[in-house]
Amino acid sequence: MIEVNVKEEEKTVEKINFPVLMRSINLNQIVLFTKDREGTCLKIGSSTLDIGQHSCDWASCYNNSIWEKYKGEITLKNK
């Protein structure tokens, strides 16, 4: 007789405090999220969006196959 024990890996969702800067893993785009799916593009990366473009329909910032927390620093200033 064989005994089989399978333990599934627990997936945890990291707590996100808004506002938060997130970087798109594939596009290298940076978005300042103010809600789960709402934010403003601060770096376009290889996307076709414009800097400053705001959307309420981003892929969820909790989706860790698309987004990761941005660890760098961004400075905003007028030209």
C-alpha atoms as a PDB file:
ATOM      1  CA  MET A   1       0.000   0.000   0.000  1.00  0.00           C
ATOM      2  CA  ILE A   2       1.181   3.544  -0.755  1.00  0.00           C
ATOM      3  CA  GLU A   3       0.472   6.627   1.306  1.00  0.00           C
ATOM      4  CA  VAL A   4       0.221   9.884  -0.628  1.00  0.00           C
ATOM      5  CA  ASN A   5       0.089  13.274   1.041  1.00  0.00           C
ATOM      6  CA  VAL A   6      -0.277  16.365  -1.116  1.00  0.00           C
ATOM      7  CA  LYS A   7       0.149  19.763   0.438  1.00  0.00           C
ATOM      8  CA  GLU A   8      -0.878  22.644  -1.787  1.00  0.00           C
ATOM      9  CA  GLU A   9       1.268  25.763  -1.730  1.00  0.00           C
ATOM     10  CA  GLU A  10      -0.505  28.541   0.090  1.00  0.00           C
ATOM     11  CA  LYS A  11      -0.905  31.612  -2.037  1.00  0.00           C
ATOM     12  CA  THR A  12      -0.987  34.858  -0.152  1.00  0.00           C
ATOM     13  CA  VAL A  13      -1.955  38.240  -1.500  1.00  0.00           C
ATOM     14  CA  GLU A  14       0.361  40.997  -0.366  1.00  0.00           C
ATOM     15  CA  LYS A  15      -1.383  43.886   1.319  1.00  0.00           C
ATOM     16  CA  ILE A  16      -1.153  46.972  -0.872  1.00  0.00           C
ATOM     17  CA  ASN A  17      -1.432  50.425   0.640  1.00  0.00           C
ATOM     18  CA  PHE A  18      -2.628  53.014  -1.864  1.00  0.00           C
ATOM     19  CA  PRO A  19      -1.303  55.022  -3.568  1.00  0.00           C
ATOM     20  CA  VAL A  20       1.297  52.534  -4.849  1.00  0.00           C
ATOM     21  CA  LEU A  21       3.738  52.482  -7.763  1.00  0.00           C
ATOM     22  CA  MET A  22       3.605  49.267  -9.797  1.00  0.00           C
ATOM     23  CA  ARG A  23       5.731  48.169 -12.753  1.00  0.00           C
ATOM     24  CA  SER A  24       4.357  46.065 -15.577  1.00  0.00           C
ATOM     25  CA  ILE A  25       6.574  42.980 -15.825  1.00  0.00           C
ATOM     26  CA  ASN A  26       6.207  42.614 -19.607  1.00  0.00           C
ATOM     27  CA  LEU A  27       5.971  46.241 -20.764  1.00  0.00           C
ATOM     28  CA  ASN A  28       8.222  47.954 -18.183  1.00  0.00           C
ATOM     29  CA  GLN A  29       5.423  50.473 -17.730  1.00  0.00           C
ATOM     30  CA  ILE A  30       4.997  52.252 -14.389  1.00  0.00           C
ATOM     31  CA  VAL A  31       1.553  53.135 -13.052  1.00  0.00           C
ATOM     32  CA  LEU A  32       0.619  55.042  -9.923  1.00  0.00           C
ATOM     33  CA  PHE A  33      -2.384  53.090  -8.631  1.00  0.00           C
ATOM     34  CA  THR A  34      -4.903  54.851  -6.380  1.00  0.00           C
ATOM     35  CA  LYS A  35      -7.275  51.859  -6.302  1.00  0.00           C
ATOM     36  CA  ASP A  36      -7.118  48.208  -7.361  1.00  0.00           C
ATOM     37  CA  ARG A  37      -7.708  48.974 -11.063  1.00  0.00           C
ATOM     38  CA  GLU A  38      -7.440  52.777 -11.160  1.00  0.00           C
ATOM     39  CA  GLY A  39      -4.261  54.694 -11.811  1.00  0.00           C
ATOM     40  CA  THR A  40      -2.129  56.999 -13.917  1.00  0.00           C
ATOM     41  CA  CYS A  41       0.691  56.032 -16.276  1.00  0.00           C
ATOM     42  CA  LEU A  42       4.004  57.604 -15.222  1.00  0.00           C
ATOM     43  CA  LYS A  43       6.320  55.708 -17.599  1.00  0.00           C
ATOM     44  CA  ILE A  44       5.152  54.221 -20.881  1.00  0.00           C
ATOM     45  CA  GLY A  45       7.810  51.532 -21.276  1.00  0.00           C
ATOM     46  CA  SER A  46       6.992  49.663 -24.481  1.00  0.00           C
ATOM     47  CA  SER A  47       3.239  50.360 -24.303  1.00  0.00           C
ATOM     48  CA  THR A  48       1.341  52.705 -26.621  1.00  0.00           C
ATOM     49  CA  LEU A  49      -0.068  54.875 -23.840  1.00  0.00           C
ATOM     50  CA  ASP A  50       0.887  58.443 -23.037  1.00  0.00           C
ATOM     51  CA  ILE A  51       2.458  59.619 -19.798  1.00  0.00           C
ATOM     52  CA  GLY A  52      -0.323  60.977 -17.616  1.00  0.00           C
ATOM     53  CA  GLN A  53      -3.000  58.766 -19.156  1.00  0.00           C
ATOM     54  CA  HIS A  54      -5.470  57.828 -16.436  1.00  0.00           C
ATOM     55  CA  SER A  55      -7.620  54.701 -16.467  1.00  0.00           C
ATOM     56  CA  CYS A  56     -10.152  53.021 -14.194  1.00  0.00           C
ATOM     57  CA  ASP A  57      -9.727  49.758 -16.087  1.00  0.00           C
ATOM     58  CA  TRP A  58      -6.115  48.593 -15.592  1.00  0.00           C
ATOM     59  CA  ALA A  59      -5.479  44.927 -14.931  1.00  0.00           C
ATOM     60  CA  SER A  60      -5.718  44.506 -11.165  1.00  0.00           C
ATOM     61  CA  CYS A  61      -2.570  45.638  -9.364  1.00  0.00           C
ATOM     62  CA  TYR A  62      -2.952  42.489  -7.235  1.00  0.00           C
ATOM     63  CA  ASN A  63      -2.255  40.347 -10.324  1.00  0.00           C
ATOM     64  CA  ASN A  64       1.366  39.387  -9.676  1.00  0.00           C
ATOM     65  CA  SER A  65       1.766  37.818 -13.124  1.00  0.00           C
ATOM     66  CA  ILE A  66       1.355  41.326 -14.593  1.00  0.00           C
ATOM     67  CA  TRP A  67       2.523  43.772 -11.906  1.00  0.00           C
ATOM     68  CA  GLU A  68       5.263  44.037  -9.312  1.00  0.00           C
ATOM     69  CA  LYS A  69       5.857  46.793  -6.790  1.00  0.00           C
ATOM     70  CA  TYR A  70       8.204  49.423  -8.191  1.00  0.00           C
ATOM     71  CA  LYS A  71      11.234  49.732  -5.926  1.00  0.00           C
ATOM     72  CA  GLY A  72      12.802  52.827  -7.511  1.00  0.00           C
ATOM     73  CA  GLU A  73      12.148  56.496  -7.092  1.00  0.00           C
ATOM     74  CA  ILE A  74      10.149  58.832  -9.331  1.00  0.00           C
ATOM     75  CA  THR A  75      10.371  62.620  -9.171  1.00  0.00           C
ATOM     76  CA  LEU A  76       7.728  64.848 -10.756  1.00  0.00           C
ATOM     77  CA  LYS A  77       8.472  68.423 -11.793  1.00  0.00           C
ATOM     78  CA  ASN A  78       7.223  70.977 -14.252  1.00  0.00           C
ATOM     79  CA  LYS A  79       9.252  71.732 -17.376  1.00  0.00           C
END
